[in-house]
Amino acid sequence: MNIAPHIAKGARFTIGARIESKFLDLLELSYAAYFSDKEKKPAKIAECIFVLDIVKFLITTAWEGKLISNKQCEDVAKKLDEIGKMLGGWKNSLVNTEKKNRTALG
């Protein structure tokens, strides 16, 4: 997420720092979700998805404010979409496993 160094100095320590902070929060939450109890995983993953949406919003805001280039926004957006697919798949696999277990037992 090498974005902050490319943002103008005036915004680097505001929105640039916020983007980096939220991305680190996302990494921390995903780590916590991976090692959390089975019952808590879906909630932790949902929190990860929420933070990812905030990161996407901040990136879009930086792009609309012309603080990052179209190319930078496009590159980051592709990576964030891939992360979103991974988190969504992870969450769905947990939900589908629970459904399968219910039907197998019932």
PDB file of N, CA and C in Angstrom:
ATOM      1  N   MET A   1       0.840  -1.196   0.000  1.00  0.00           N
ATOM      2  CA  MET A   1       0.000   0.000   0.000  1.00  0.00           C
ATOM      3  C   MET A   1       0.872   1.241   0.000  1.00  0.00           C
ATOM      4  N   ASN A   2       1.757   1.309  -0.898  1.00  0.00           N
ATOM      5  CA  ASN A   2       2.719   2.404  -0.976  1.00  0.00           C
ATOM      6  C   ASN A   2       2.039   3.660  -1.517  1.00  0.00           C
ATOM      7  N   ILE A   3       1.085   4.192  -0.763  1.00  0.00           N
ATOM      8  CA  ILE A   3       0.309   5.330  -1.245  1.00  0.00           C
ATOM      9  C   ILE A   3       0.765   6.640  -0.617  1.00  0.00           C
ATOM     10  N   ALA A   4       0.956   6.656   0.679  1.00  0.00           N
ATOM     11  CA  ALA A   4       1.245   7.905   1.389  1.00  0.00           C
ATOM     12  C   ALA A   4       2.437   8.672   0.816  1.00  0.00           C
ATOM     13  N   PRO A   5       3.531   8.021   0.439  1.00  0.00           N
ATOM     14  CA  PRO A   5       4.655   8.804  -0.109  1.00  0.00           C
ATOM     15  C   PRO A   5       4.318   9.520  -1.413  1.00  0.00           C
ATOM     16  N   HIS A   6       3.290   9.072  -2.120  1.00  0.00           N
ATOM     17  CA  HIS A   6       2.934   9.681  -3.397  1.00  0.00           C
ATOM     18  C   HIS A   6       1.880  10.778  -3.255  1.00  0.00           C
ATOM     19  N   ILE A   7       1.381  10.957  -2.050  1.00  0.00           N
ATOM     20  CA  ILE A   7       0.386  12.001  -1.809  1.00  0.00           C
ATOM     21  C   ILE A   7       1.120  13.296  -1.482  1.00  0.00           C
ATOM     22  N   ALA A   8       0.547  14.413  -1.926  1.00  0.00           N
ATOM     23  CA  ALA A   8       1.144  15.721  -1.656  1.00  0.00           C
ATOM     24  C   ALA A   8       1.374  15.900  -0.161  1.00  0.00           C
ATOM     25  N   LYS A   9       2.431  16.597   0.179  1.00  0.00           N
ATOM     26  CA  LYS A   9       2.866  16.719   1.569  1.00  0.00           C
ATOM     27  C   LYS A   9       1.753  17.203   2.502  1.00  0.00           C
ATOM     28  N   GLY A  10       0.932  18.123   2.036  1.00  0.00           N
ATOM     29  CA  GLY A  10      -0.130  18.658   2.875  1.00  0.00           C
ATOM     30  C   GLY A  10      -1.150  17.621   3.291  1.00  0.00           C
ATOM     31  N   ALA A  11      -1.407  16.638   2.435  1.00  0.00           N
ATOM     32  CA  ALA A  11      -2.409  15.609   2.726  1.00  0.00           C
ATOM     33  C   ALA A  11      -1.783  14.296   3.177  1.00  0.00           C
ATOM     34  N   ARG A  12      -0.479  14.199   3.041  1.00  0.00           N
ATOM     35  CA  ARG A  12       0.214  12.946   3.374  1.00  0.00           C
ATOM     36  C   ARG A  12       0.008  12.549   4.826  1.00  0.00           C
ATOM     37  N   PHE A  13      -0.019  13.537   5.702  1.00  0.00           N
ATOM     38  CA  PHE A  13      -0.109  13.245   7.125  1.00  0.00           C
ATOM     39  C   PHE A  13      -1.547  13.280   7.634  1.00  0.00           C
ATOM     40  N   THR A  14      -2.483  13.471   6.727  1.00  0.00           N
ATOM     41  CA  THR A  14      -3.892  13.396   7.112  1.00  0.00           C
ATOM     42  C   THR A  14      -4.508  12.159   6.460  1.00  0.00           C
ATOM     43  N   ILE A  15      -4.959  12.296   5.225  1.00  0.00           N
ATOM     44  CA  ILE A  15      -5.624  11.157   4.576  1.00  0.00           C
ATOM     45  C   ILE A  15      -4.635  10.035   4.266  1.00  0.00           C
ATOM     46  N   GLY A  16      -3.414  10.379   3.911  1.00  0.00           N
ATOM     47  CA  GLY A  16      -2.403   9.349   3.636  1.00  0.00           C
ATOM     48  C   GLY A  16      -2.124   8.501   4.868  1.00  0.00           C
ATOM     49  N   ALA A  17      -1.953   9.158   5.990  1.00  0.00           N
ATOM     50  CA  ALA A  17      -1.703   8.435   7.246  1.00  0.00           C
ATOM     51  C   ALA A  17      -2.935   7.634   7.650  1.00  0.00           C
ATOM     52  N   ARG A  18      -4.109   8.179   7.390  1.00  0.00           N
ATOM     53  CA  ARG A  18      -5.354   7.478   7.736  1.00  0.00           C
ATOM     54  C   ARG A  18      -5.518   6.209   6.900  1.00  0.00           C
ATOM     55  N   ILE A  19      -5.183   6.287   5.621  1.00  0.00           N
ATOM     56  CA  ILE A  19      -5.255   5.113   4.752  1.00  0.00           C
ATOM     57  C   ILE A  19      -4.309   4.037   5.263  1.00  0.00           C
ATOM     58  N   GLU A  20      -3.084   4.421   5.552  1.00  0.00           N
ATOM     59  CA  GLU A  20      -2.115   3.446   6.047  1.00  0.00           C
ATOM     60  C   GLU A  20      -2.542   2.864   7.396  1.00  0.00           C
ATOM     61  N   SER A  21      -3.082   3.705   8.250  1.00  0.00           N
ATOM     62  CA  SER A  21      -3.537   3.250   9.563  1.00  0.00           C
ATOM     63  C   SER A  21      -4.674   2.234   9.422  1.00  0.00           C
ATOM     64  N   LYS A  22      -5.628   2.545   8.563  1.00  0.00           N
ATOM     65  CA  LYS A  22      -6.767   1.634   8.364  1.00  0.00           C
ATOM     66  C   LYS A  22      -6.317   0.332   7.717  1.00  0.00           C
ATOM     67  N   PHE A  23      -5.356   0.412   6.813  1.00  0.00           N
ATOM     68  CA  PHE A  23      -4.857  -0.815   6.205  1.00  0.00           C
ATOM     69  C   PHE A  23      -4.169  -1.689   7.252  1.00  0.00           C
ATOM     70  N   LEU A  24      -3.405  -1.070   8.136  1.00  0.00           N
ATOM     71  CA  LEU A  24      -2.776  -1.833   9.221  1.00  0.00           C
ATOM     72  C   LEU A  24      -3.827  -2.402  10.169  1.00  0.00           C
ATOM     73  N   ASP A  25      -4.898  -1.643  10.415  1.00  0.00           N
ATOM     74  CA  ASP A  25      -6.011  -2.162  11.217  1.00  0.00           C
ATOM     75  C   ASP A  25      -6.606  -3.408  10.562  1.00  0.00           C
ATOM     76  N   LEU A  26      -6.732  -3.365   9.232  1.00  0.00           N
ATOM     77  CA  LEU A  26      -7.265  -4.504   8.501  1.00  0.00           C
ATOM     78  C   LEU A  26      -6.362  -5.726   8.658  1.00  0.00           C
ATOM     79  N   LEU A  27      -5.067  -5.526   8.560  1.00  0.00           N
ATOM     80  CA  LEU A  27      -4.130  -6.634   8.756  1.00  0.00           C
ATOM     81  C   LEU A  27      -4.250  -7.206  10.165  1.00  0.00           C
ATOM     82  N   GLU A  28      -4.334  -6.323  11.138  1.00  0.00           N
ATOM     83  CA  GLU A  28      -4.452  -6.751  12.534  1.00  0.00           C
ATOM     84  C   GLU A  28      -5.746  -7.533  12.765  1.00  0.00           C
ATOM     85  N   LEU A  29      -6.851  -7.022  12.225  1.00  0.00           N
ATOM     86  CA  LEU A  29      -8.144  -7.696  12.389  1.00  0.00           C
ATOM     87  C   LEU A  29      -8.168  -9.056  11.697  1.00  0.00           C
ATOM     88  N   SER A  30      -7.556  -9.137  10.526  1.00  0.00           N
ATOM     89  CA  SER A  30      -7.552 -10.422   9.820  1.00  0.00           C
ATOM     90  C   SER A  30      -6.707 -11.439  10.578  1.00  0.00           C
ATOM     91  N   TYR A  31      -5.638 -10.991  11.180  1.00  0.00           N
ATOM     92  CA  TYR A  31      -4.814 -11.869  12.025  1.00  0.00           C
ATOM     93  C   TYR A  31      -5.627 -12.357  13.217  1.00  0.00           C
ATOM     94  N   ALA A  32      -6.327 -11.428  13.849  1.00  0.00           N
ATOM     95  CA  ALA A  32      -7.160 -11.781  15.000  1.00  0.00           C
ATOM     96  C   ALA A  32      -8.274 -12.743  14.583  1.00  0.00           C
ATOM     97  N   ALA A  33      -8.852 -12.522  13.404  1.00  0.00           N
ATOM     98  CA  ALA A  33      -9.923 -13.406  12.926  1.00  0.00           C
ATOM     99  C   ALA A  33      -9.389 -14.813  12.684  1.00  0.00           C
ATOM    100  N   TYR A  34      -8.211 -14.906  12.132  1.00  0.00           N
ATOM    101  CA  TYR A  34      -7.626 -16.210  11.829  1.00  0.00           C
ATOM    102  C   TYR A  34      -7.438 -17.048  13.095  1.00  0.00           C
ATOM    103  N   PHE A  35      -7.040 -16.388  14.179  1.00  0.00           N
ATOM    104  CA  PHE A  35      -6.750 -17.105  15.410  1.00  0.00           C
ATOM    105  C   PHE A  35      -7.882 -17.049  16.431  1.00  0.00           C
ATOM    106  N   SER A  36      -9.027 -16.506  16.054  1.00  0.00           N
ATOM    107  CA  SER A  36     -10.139 -16.416  17.001  1.00  0.00           C
ATOM    108  C   SER A  36     -10.907 -17.741  17.055  1.00  0.00           C
ATOM    109  N   ASP A  37     -11.743 -17.845  18.071  1.00  0.00           N
ATOM    110  CA  ASP A  37     -12.583 -19.033  18.231  1.00  0.00           C
ATOM    111  C   ASP A  37     -13.554 -19.147  17.060  1.00  0.00           C
ATOM    112  N   LYS A  38     -13.960 -20.357  16.772  1.00  0.00           N
ATOM    113  CA  LYS A  38     -14.833 -20.636  15.630  1.00  0.00           C
ATOM    114  C   LYS A  38     -16.117 -19.809  15.669  1.00  0.00           C
ATOM    115  N   GLU A  39     -16.668 -19.620  16.877  1.00  0.00           N
ATOM    116  CA  GLU A  39     -17.916 -18.867  17.011  1.00  0.00           C
ATOM    117  C   GLU A  39     -17.716 -17.380  16.723  1.00  0.00           C
ATOM    118  N   LYS A  40     -16.524 -16.866  16.963  1.00  0.00           N
ATOM    119  CA  LYS A  40     -16.259 -15.436  16.812  1.00  0.00           C
ATOM    120  C   LYS A  40     -15.745 -15.073  15.417  1.00  0.00           C
ATOM    121  N   LYS A  41     -15.328 -16.059  14.643  1.00  0.00           N
ATOM    122  CA  LYS A  41     -14.742 -15.792  13.326  1.00  0.00           C
ATOM    123  C   LYS A  41     -15.662 -14.992  12.395  1.00  0.00           C
ATOM    124  N   PRO A  42     -16.935 -15.370  12.229  1.00  0.00           N
ATOM    125  CA  PRO A  42     -17.776 -14.602  11.299  1.00  0.00           C
ATOM    126  C   PRO A  42     -17.883 -13.126  11.662  1.00  0.00           C
ATOM    127  N   ALA A  43     -17.982 -12.823  12.944  1.00  0.00           N
ATOM    128  CA  ALA A  43     -18.073 -11.427  13.375  1.00  0.00           C
ATOM    129  C   ALA A  43     -16.764 -10.691  13.098  1.00  0.00           C
ATOM    130  N   LYS A  44     -15.642 -11.360  13.349  1.00  0.00           N
ATOM    131  CA  LYS A  44     -14.333 -10.737  13.099  1.00  0.00           C
ATOM    132  C   LYS A  44     -14.135 -10.494  11.602  1.00  0.00           C
ATOM    133  N   ILE A  45     -14.563 -11.452  10.790  1.00  0.00           N
ATOM    134  CA  ILE A  45     -14.420 -11.288   9.339  1.00  0.00           C
ATOM    135  C   ILE A  45     -15.326 -10.166   8.845  1.00  0.00           C
ATOM    136  N   ALA A  46     -16.517 -10.063   9.403  1.00  0.00           N
ATOM    137  CA  ALA A  46     -17.418  -8.962   9.050  1.00  0.00           C
ATOM    138  C   ALA A  46     -16.785  -7.622   9.399  1.00  0.00           C
ATOM    139  N   GLU A  47     -16.092  -7.573  10.514  1.00  0.00           N
ATOM    140  CA  GLU A  47     -15.386  -6.353  10.907  1.00  0.00           C
ATOM    141  C   GLU A  47     -14.261  -6.051   9.915  1.00  0.00           C
ATOM    142  N   CYS A  48     -13.572  -7.072   9.456  1.00  0.00           N
ATOM    143  CA  CYS A  48     -12.527  -6.897   8.442  1.00  0.00           C
ATOM    144  C   CYS A  48     -13.117  -6.300   7.167  1.00  0.00           C
ATOM    145  N   ILE A  49     -14.261  -6.828   6.756  1.00  0.00           N
ATOM    146  CA  ILE A  49     -14.911  -6.343   5.538  1.00  0.00           C
ATOM    147  C   ILE A  49     -15.324  -4.881   5.705  1.00  0.00           C
ATOM    148  N   PHE A  50     -15.789  -4.524   6.891  1.00  0.00           N
ATOM    149  CA  PHE A  50     -16.159  -3.134   7.160  1.00  0.00           C
ATOM    150  C   PHE A  50     -14.940  -2.212   7.050  1.00  0.00           C
ATOM    151  N   VAL A  51     -13.820  -2.605   7.638  1.00  0.00           N
ATOM    152  CA  VAL A  51     -12.605  -1.792   7.577  1.00  0.00           C
ATOM    153  C   VAL A  51     -12.104  -1.719   6.132  1.00  0.00           C
ATOM    154  N   LEU A  52     -12.216  -2.808   5.385  1.00  0.00           N
ATOM    155  CA  LEU A  52     -11.829  -2.795   3.973  1.00  0.00           C
ATOM    156  C   LEU A  52     -12.662  -1.774   3.205  1.00  0.00           C
ATOM    157  N   ASP A  53     -13.949  -1.717   3.490  1.00  0.00           N
ATOM    158  CA  ASP A  53     -14.811  -0.728   2.834  1.00  0.00           C
ATOM    159  C   ASP A  53     -14.385   0.699   3.180  1.00  0.00           C
ATOM    160  N   ILE A  54     -13.947   0.916   4.405  1.00  0.00           N
ATOM    161  CA  ILE A  54     -13.449   2.239   4.797  1.00  0.00           C
ATOM    162  C   ILE A  54     -12.189   2.574   4.019  1.00  0.00           C
ATOM    163  N   VAL A  55     -11.285   1.604   3.870  1.00  0.00           N
ATOM    164  CA  VAL A  55     -10.058   1.832   3.099  1.00  0.00           C
ATOM    165  C   VAL A  55     -10.416   2.194   1.658  1.00  0.00           C
ATOM    166  N   LYS A  56     -11.370   1.466   1.069  1.00  0.00           N
ATOM    167  CA  LYS A  56     -11.801   1.766  -0.303  1.00  0.00           C
ATOM    168  C   LYS A  56     -12.364   3.186  -0.394  1.00  0.00           C
ATOM    169  N   PHE A  57     -13.151   3.560   0.594  1.00  0.00           N
ATOM    170  CA  PHE A  57     -13.719   4.913   0.621  1.00  0.00           C
ATOM    171  C   PHE A  57     -12.618   5.970   0.693  1.00  0.00           C
ATOM    172  N   LEU A  58     -11.625   5.751   1.552  1.00  0.00           N
ATOM    173  CA  LEU A  58     -10.536   6.719   1.690  1.00  0.00           C
ATOM    174  C   LEU A  58      -9.701   6.814   0.418  1.00  0.00           C
ATOM    175  N   ILE A  59      -9.473   5.693  -0.241  1.00  0.00           N
ATOM    176  CA  ILE A  59      -8.739   5.690  -1.510  1.00  0.00           C
ATOM    177  C   ILE A  59      -9.521   6.478  -2.557  1.00  0.00           C
ATOM    178  N   THR A  60     -10.824   6.233  -2.622  1.00  0.00           N
ATOM    179  CA  THR A  60     -11.667   6.951  -3.573  1.00  0.00           C
ATOM    180  C   THR A  60     -11.668   8.450  -3.279  1.00  0.00           C
ATOM    181  N   THR A  61     -11.713   8.786  -2.015  1.00  0.00           N
ATOM    182  CA  THR A  61     -11.680  10.200  -1.622  1.00  0.00           C
ATOM    183  C   THR A  61     -10.360  10.843  -2.031  1.00  0.00           C
ATOM    184  N   ALA A  62      -9.263  10.137  -1.831  1.00  0.00           N
ATOM    185  CA  ALA A  62      -7.941  10.663  -2.230  1.00  0.00           C
ATOM    186  C   ALA A  62      -7.882  10.831  -3.744  1.00  0.00           C
ATOM    187  N   TRP A  63      -8.457   9.893  -4.480  1.00  0.00           N
ATOM    188  CA  TRP A  63      -8.466   9.990  -5.936  1.00  0.00           C
ATOM    189  C   TRP A  63      -9.331  11.158  -6.413  1.00  0.00           C
ATOM    190  N   GLU A  64     -10.517  11.293  -5.808  1.00  0.00           N
ATOM    191  CA  GLU A  64     -11.408  12.388  -6.198  1.00  0.00           C
ATOM    192  C   GLU A  64     -10.799  13.747  -5.871  1.00  0.00           C
ATOM    193  N   GLY A  65      -9.998  13.796  -4.802  1.00  0.00           N
ATOM    194  CA  GLY A  65      -9.318  15.033  -4.448  1.00  0.00           C
ATOM    195  C   GLY A  65      -8.030  15.248  -5.229  1.00  0.00           C
ATOM    196  N   LYS A  66      -7.794  14.365  -6.202  1.00  0.00           N
ATOM    197  CA  LYS A  66      -6.608  14.424  -7.058  1.00  0.00           C
ATOM    198  C   LYS A  66      -5.310  14.338  -6.258  1.00  0.00           C
ATOM    199  N   LEU A  67      -5.363  13.572  -5.156  1.00  0.00           N
ATOM    200  CA  LEU A  67      -4.178  13.367  -4.333  1.00  0.00           C
ATOM    201  C   LEU A  67      -3.380  12.152  -4.796  1.00  0.00           C
ATOM    202  N   ILE A  68      -4.054  11.239  -5.502  1.00  0.00           N
ATOM    203  CA  ILE A  68      -3.369  10.097  -6.106  1.00  0.00           C
ATOM    204  C   ILE A  68      -3.798  10.009  -7.573  1.00  0.00           C
ATOM    205  N   SER A  69      -2.953   9.411  -8.383  1.00  0.00           N
ATOM    206  CA  SER A  69      -3.223   9.322  -9.817  1.00  0.00           C
ATOM    207  C   SER A  69      -4.257   8.239 -10.130  1.00  0.00           C
ATOM    208  N   ASN A  70      -4.747   8.280 -11.358  1.00  0.00           N
ATOM    209  CA  ASN A  70      -5.686   7.251 -11.814  1.00  0.00           C
ATOM    210  C   ASN A  70      -5.041   5.876 -11.742  1.00  0.00           C
ATOM    211  N   LYS A  71      -3.794   5.783 -12.150  1.00  0.00           N
ATOM    212  CA  LYS A  71      -3.070   4.502 -12.148  1.00  0.00           C
ATOM    213  C   LYS A  71      -2.928   3.960 -10.732  1.00  0.00           C
ATOM    214  N   GLN A  72      -2.548   4.823  -9.785  1.00  0.00           N
ATOM    215  CA  GLN A  72      -2.414   4.386  -8.392  1.00  0.00           C
ATOM    216  C   GLN A  72      -3.753   3.907  -7.854  1.00  0.00           C
ATOM    217  N   CYS A  73      -4.806   4.647  -8.134  1.00  0.00           N
ATOM    218  CA  CYS A  73      -6.140   4.279  -7.661  1.00  0.00           C
ATOM    219  C   CYS A  73      -6.558   2.945  -8.262  1.00  0.00           C
ATOM    220  N   GLU A  74      -6.320   2.774  -9.542  1.00  0.00           N
ATOM    221  CA  GLU A  74      -6.684   1.528 -10.222  1.00  0.00           C
ATOM    222  C   GLU A  74      -5.915   0.338  -9.651  1.00  0.00           C
ATOM    223  N   ASP A  75      -4.606   0.514  -9.447  1.00  0.00           N
ATOM    224  CA  ASP A  75      -3.785  -0.576  -8.909  1.00  0.00           C
ATOM    225  C   ASP A  75      -4.240  -0.988  -7.517  1.00  0.00           C
ATOM    226  N   VAL A  76      -4.492   0.002  -6.673  1.00  0.00           N
ATOM    227  CA  VAL A  76      -4.918  -0.281  -5.305  1.00  0.00           C
ATOM    228  C   VAL A  76      -6.319  -0.876  -5.302  1.00  0.00           C
ATOM    229  N   ALA A  77      -7.200  -0.358  -6.149  1.00  0.00           N
ATOM    230  CA  ALA A  77      -8.574  -0.862  -6.210  1.00  0.00           C
ATOM    231  C   ALA A  77      -8.599  -2.343  -6.589  1.00  0.00           C
ATOM    232  N   LYS A  78      -7.747  -2.749  -7.521  1.00  0.00           N
ATOM    233  CA  LYS A  78      -7.681  -4.163  -7.913  1.00  0.00           C
ATOM    234  C   LYS A  78      -7.252  -5.026  -6.732  1.00  0.00           C
ATOM    235  N   LYS A  79      -6.257  -4.571  -6.001  1.00  0.00           N
ATOM    236  CA  LYS A  79      -5.763  -5.328  -4.850  1.00  0.00           C
ATOM    237  C   LYS A  79      -6.824  -5.397  -3.750  1.00  0.00           C
ATOM    238  N   LEU A  80      -7.493  -4.287  -3.516  1.00  0.00           N
ATOM    239  CA  LEU A  80      -8.528  -4.258  -2.486  1.00  0.00           C
ATOM    240  C   LEU A  80      -9.722  -5.135  -2.876  1.00  0.00           C
ATOM    241  N   ASP A  81     -10.060  -5.164  -4.163  1.00  0.00           N
ATOM    242  CA  ASP A  81     -11.137  -6.047  -4.622  1.00  0.00           C
ATOM    243  C   ASP A  81     -10.767  -7.506  -4.397  1.00  0.00           C
ATOM    244  N   GLU A  82      -9.513  -7.846  -4.656  1.00  0.00           N
ATOM    245  CA  GLU A  82      -9.058  -9.219  -4.433  1.00  0.00           C
ATOM    246  C   GLU A  82      -9.132  -9.576  -2.941  1.00  0.00           C
ATOM    247  N   ILE A  83      -8.741  -8.648  -2.092  1.00  0.00           N
ATOM    248  CA  ILE A  83      -8.840  -8.868  -0.646  1.00  0.00           C
ATOM    249  C   ILE A  83     -10.302  -9.066  -0.251  1.00  0.00           C
ATOM    250  N   GLY A  84     -11.180  -8.246  -0.833  1.00  0.00           N
ATOM    251  CA  GLY A  84     -12.609  -8.371  -0.551  1.00  0.00           C
ATOM    252  C   GLY A  84     -13.164  -9.731  -0.957  1.00  0.00           C
ATOM    253  N   LYS A  85     -12.724 -10.240  -2.104  1.00  0.00           N
ATOM    254  CA  LYS A  85     -13.164 -11.570  -2.544  1.00  0.00           C
ATOM    255  C   LYS A  85     -12.678 -12.645  -1.577  1.00  0.00           C
ATOM    256  N   MET A  86     -11.446 -12.498  -1.121  1.00  0.00           N
ATOM    257  CA  MET A  86     -10.906 -13.476  -0.171  1.00  0.00           C
ATOM    258  C   MET A  86     -11.686 -13.459   1.138  1.00  0.00           C
ATOM    259  N   LEU A  87     -11.941 -12.262   1.651  1.00  0.00           N
ATOM    260  CA  LEU A  87     -12.687 -12.161   2.909  1.00  0.00           C
ATOM    261  C   LEU A  87     -14.111 -12.675   2.747  1.00  0.00           C
ATOM    262  N   GLY A  88     -14.749 -12.328   1.631  1.00  0.00           N
ATOM    263  CA  GLY A  88     -16.105 -12.811   1.376  1.00  0.00           C
ATOM    264  C   GLY A  88     -16.151 -14.331   1.258  1.00  0.00           C
ATOM    265  N   GLY A  89     -15.171 -14.896   0.575  1.00  0.00           N
ATOM    266  CA  GLY A  89     -15.100 -16.349   0.456  1.00  0.00           C
ATOM    267  C   GLY A  89     -14.879 -17.017   1.800  1.00  0.00           C
ATOM    268  N   TRP A  90     -14.027 -16.413   2.615  1.00  0.00           N
ATOM    269  CA  TRP A  90     -13.751 -16.938   3.950  1.00  0.00           C
ATOM    270  C   TRP A  90     -15.026 -16.932   4.783  1.00  0.00           C
ATOM    271  N   LYS A  91     -15.729 -15.804   4.747  1.00  0.00           N
ATOM    272  CA  LYS A  91     -16.970 -15.684   5.515  1.00  0.00           C
ATOM    273  C   LYS A  91     -18.020 -16.675   5.020  1.00  0.00           C
ATOM    274  N   ASN A  92     -18.156 -16.794   3.696  1.00  0.00           N
ATOM    275  CA  ASN A  92     -19.135 -17.730   3.131  1.00  0.00           C
ATOM    276  C   ASN A  92     -18.794 -19.175   3.459  1.00  0.00           C
ATOM    277  N   SER A  93     -17.515 -19.501   3.491  1.00  0.00           N
ATOM    278  CA  SER A  93     -17.132 -20.880   3.816  1.00  0.00           C
ATOM    279  C   SER A  93     -17.516 -21.230   5.250  1.00  0.00           C
ATOM    280  N   LEU A  94     -17.444 -20.260   6.144  1.00  0.00           N
ATOM    281  CA  LEU A  94     -17.845 -20.504   7.526  1.00  0.00           C
ATOM    282  C   LEU A  94     -19.353 -20.664   7.637  1.00  0.00           C
ATOM    283  N   VAL A  95     -20.087 -19.835   6.931  1.00  0.00           N
ATOM    284  CA  VAL A  95     -21.546 -19.893   6.964  1.00  0.00           C
ATOM    285  C   VAL A  95     -22.024 -21.189   6.317  1.00  0.00           C
ATOM    286  N   ASN A  96     -21.450 -21.560   5.180  1.00  0.00           N
ATOM    287  CA  ASN A  96     -21.862 -22.785   4.486  1.00  0.00           C
ATOM    288  C   ASN A  96     -21.524 -24.025   5.297  1.00  0.00           C
ATOM    289  N   THR A  97     -20.408 -24.007   6.017  1.00  0.00           N
ATOM    290  CA  THR A  97     -20.042 -25.140   6.867  1.00  0.00           C
ATOM    291  C   THR A  97     -21.078 -25.309   7.967  1.00  0.00           C
ATOM    292  N   GLU A  98     -21.510 -24.198   8.548  1.00  0.00           N
ATOM    293  CA  GLU A  98     -22.519 -24.267   9.604  1.00  0.00           C
ATOM    294  C   GLU A  98     -23.830 -24.827   9.051  1.00  0.00           C
ATOM    295  N   LYS A  99     -24.214 -24.428   7.844  1.00  0.00           N
ATOM    296  CA  LYS A  99     -25.449 -24.924   7.231  1.00  0.00           C
ATOM    297  C   LYS A  99     -25.345 -26.418   6.943  1.00  0.00           C
ATOM    298  N   LYS A 100     -24.183 -26.834   6.433  1.00  0.00           N
ATOM    299  CA  LYS A 100     -23.985 -28.256   6.140  1.00  0.00           C
ATOM    300  C   LYS A 100     -24.059 -29.099   7.404  1.00  0.00           C
ATOM    301  N   ASN A 101     -23.456 -28.597   8.475  1.00  0.00           N
ATOM    302  CA  ASN A 101     -23.481 -29.333   9.733  1.00  0.00           C
ATOM    303  C   ASN A 101     -24.908 -29.441  10.287  1.00  0.00           C
ATOM    304  N   ARG A 102     -25.702 -28.417  10.112  1.00  0.00           N
ATOM    305  CA  ARG A 102     -27.083 -28.445  10.607  1.00  0.00           C
ATOM    306  C   ARG A 102     -27.909 -29.468   9.839  1.00  0.00           C
ATOM    307  N   THR A 103     -27.756 -29.520   8.530  1.00  0.00           N
ATOM    308  CA  THR A 103     -28.548 -30.451   7.739  1.00  0.00           C
ATOM    309  C   THR A 103     -28.072 -31.878   7.945  1.00  0.00           C
ATOM    310  N   ALA A 104     -26.788 -32.057   8.165  1.00  0.00           N
ATOM    311  CA  ALA A 104     -26.262 -33.410   8.379  1.00  0.00           C
ATOM    312  C   ALA A 104     -26.734 -33.967   9.724  1.00  0.00           C
ATOM    313  N   LEU A 105     -26.862 -33.081  10.712  1.00  0.00           N
ATOM    314  CA  LEU A 105     -27.270 -33.527  12.036  1.00  0.00           C
ATOM    315  C   LEU A 105     -28.793 -33.669  12.142  1.00  0.00           C
ATOM    316  N   GLY A 106     -29.514 -32.882  11.366  1.00  0.00           N
ATOM    317  CA  GLY A 106     -30.974 -32.852  11.492  1.00  0.00           C
ATOM    318  C   GLY A 106     -31.581 -33.840  10.642  1.00  0.00           C
TER     319      GLY A 106
END
